[in-house]
Amino acid sequence: QVQLVESGGGLVQPGGSLRLSCVASGSISALIAMGWYRQAPGKERELVATTNRGHSTNYGDSVKGRFTISRVTATNTVYLQMDNLRPEDTAVYFCNARGYERMPGPHFDAWGRGTQVTVSS
């Protein structure tokens, strides 16, 4: 079983910053990709940012230029630096990880429980 634990969420004023962290643990032989998704009430879960084993990154359009994803492979940790936060960034942020528990297989696609980010004055 692979488990993800997010941390770093909270309340911040518009224009402020937060850094989210996610640590993957359990039966991990190879971690292919990690990323962040978010979901606001009444809305679908959307991509925030992802990074793969080669450290390539992909960002949702609404966060480009403001958020930065980074990964420390040795500790199975992914971070999301969130700058210039806006009220519309308010959501539950979920960590995601894909990989293999053992080579070869089985593959996993794991999700954390989420951490609340609220941007309000």
Protein backbone atom coordinates (compact mmCIF):
# COMPACT_ATOMS: atom_id res chain seq x y z
CA GLN A 1 0.00 0.00 0.00
CA VAL A 2 1.23 3.46 -0.92
CA GLN A 3 0.26 6.38 1.25
CA LEU A 4 0.54 10.09 0.62
CA VAL A 5 0.48 12.73 3.33
CA GLU A 6 0.03 16.40 2.47
CA SER A 7 0.88 19.31 4.70
CA GLY A 8 1.26 23.06 4.55
CA GLY A 9 -2.26 24.21 3.85
CA GLY A 10 -3.94 26.99 5.73
CA LEU A 11 -5.37 30.47 5.58
CA VAL A 12 -3.48 33.16 3.71
CA GLN A 13 -4.26 36.66 2.50
CA PRO A 14 -4.46 37.47 -1.20
CA GLY A 15 -0.99 38.00 -2.57
CA GLY A 16 0.53 35.78 0.06
CA SER A 17 2.39 32.51 -0.26
CA LEU A 18 2.19 28.95 0.97
CA ARG A 19 4.28 25.88 0.40
CA LEU A 20 2.62 22.51 0.29
CA SER A 21 4.49 19.29 0.92
CA CYS A 22 3.65 15.71 0.13
CA VAL A 23 5.55 12.61 1.16
CA ALA A 24 4.89 9.23 -0.39
CA SER A 25 5.57 6.12 1.65
CA GLY A 26 4.93 2.42 1.51
CA SER A 27 5.67 -0.11 -1.19
CA ILE A 28 7.42 2.07 -3.73
CA SER A 29 9.94 0.62 -6.13
CA ALA A 30 9.74 3.30 -8.80
CA LEU A 31 7.98 6.64 -8.61
CA ILE A 32 7.06 7.76 -12.09
CA ALA A 33 5.30 11.02 -11.42
CA MET A 34 3.97 13.17 -8.63
CA GLY A 35 1.64 16.10 -8.77
CA TRP A 36 -0.98 18.31 -7.27
CA TYR A 37 -4.65 18.65 -8.07
CA ARG A 38 -7.28 20.79 -6.44
CA GLN A 39 -11.01 20.82 -6.02
CA ALA A 40 -13.26 23.66 -4.93
CA PRO A 41 -16.86 23.17 -3.79
CA GLY A 42 -19.13 22.58 -6.74
CA LYS A 43 -16.25 22.24 -9.17
CA GLU A 44 -14.42 19.36 -10.77
CA ARG A 45 -10.99 18.35 -9.63
CA GLU A 46 -8.41 20.10 -11.78
CA LEU A 47 -4.74 19.84 -12.54
CA VAL A 48 -2.46 22.19 -10.65
CA ALA A 49 1.00 20.85 -11.45
CA THR A 50 2.81 17.61 -12.13
CA THR A 51 6.41 16.52 -12.40
CA ASN A 52 7.78 13.27 -13.76
CA ARG A 53 10.88 11.19 -13.16
CA GLY A 54 12.87 13.39 -15.50
CA HIS A 55 11.74 16.48 -13.58
CA SER A 56 9.70 17.81 -16.47
CA THR A 57 6.84 19.95 -15.21
CA ASN A 58 3.33 20.72 -16.32
CA TYR A 59 1.05 23.40 -14.91
CA GLY A 60 -2.57 24.25 -15.13
CA ASP A 61 -3.24 27.44 -17.02
CA SER A 62 -4.61 29.26 -13.99
CA VAL A 63 -1.43 28.81 -11.93
CA LYS A 64 1.30 29.28 -14.51
CA GLY A 65 3.81 31.86 -13.40
CA ARG A 66 2.61 31.75 -9.79
CA PHE A 67 3.11 28.18 -8.61
CA THR A 68 6.24 26.06 -8.75
CA ILE A 69 6.39 22.31 -8.33
CA SER A 70 9.56 20.58 -7.24
CA ARG A 71 10.53 17.08 -6.31
CA VAL A 72 13.11 15.41 -4.13
CA THR A 73 13.33 11.94 -5.57
CA ALA A 74 15.43 10.45 -2.79
CA THR A 75 12.72 11.09 -0.22
CA ASN A 76 9.67 10.63 -2.45
CA THR A 77 8.65 14.17 -1.69
CA VAL A 78 6.96 16.76 -3.85
CA TYR A 79 6.47 20.42 -3.03
CA LEU A 80 4.22 23.10 -4.36
CA GLN A 81 5.36 26.66 -3.85
CA MET A 82 2.32 28.89 -4.19
CA ASP A 83 2.97 32.59 -4.68
CA ASN A 84 0.69 35.53 -5.37
CA LEU A 85 -2.29 33.59 -4.16
CA ARG A 86 -5.76 34.64 -5.22
CA PRO A 87 -9.16 33.96 -3.67
CA GLU A 88 -9.97 31.70 -6.59
CA ASP A 89 -7.10 29.45 -5.52
CA THR A 90 -9.17 28.43 -2.51
CA ALA A 91 -9.65 24.68 -2.70
CA VAL A 92 -8.65 21.37 -1.24
CA TYR A 93 -5.30 20.43 -2.70
CA PHE A 94 -4.61 16.75 -3.30
CA CYS A 95 -1.29 15.08 -3.83
CA ASN A 96 -1.02 12.37 -6.46
CA ALA A 97 1.68 9.82 -7.15
CA ARG A 98 2.03 7.18 -9.84
CA GLY A 99 4.56 4.43 -10.01
CA TYR A 100 5.30 0.80 -9.30
CA GLU A 101 5.25 -1.00 -5.99
CA ARG A 102 7.69 -3.53 -7.35
CA MET A 103 9.52 -3.95 -10.64
CA PRO A 104 7.87 -5.34 -12.65
CA GLY A 105 4.49 -4.22 -11.34
CA PRO A 106 2.13 -3.71 -9.74
CA HIS A 107 1.37 -0.16 -10.75
CA PHE A 108 -0.17 2.28 -8.32
CA ASP A 109 -2.02 5.55 -8.60
CA ALA A 110 -2.28 6.99 -5.11
CA TRP A 111 -3.99 10.04 -3.69
CA GLY A 112 -3.61 11.89 -0.44
CA ARG A 113 -6.47 13.01 1.75
CA GLY A 114 -6.01 16.63 0.77
CA THR A 115 -5.09 19.84 2.52
CA GLN A 116 -7.26 22.94 2.64
CA VAL A 117 -5.96 26.18 1.19
CA THR A 118 -8.06 29.27 1.84
CA VAL A 119 -7.16 32.63 0.36
CA SER A 120 -9.12 35.43 1.97
CA SER A 121 -8.64 38.84 3.48
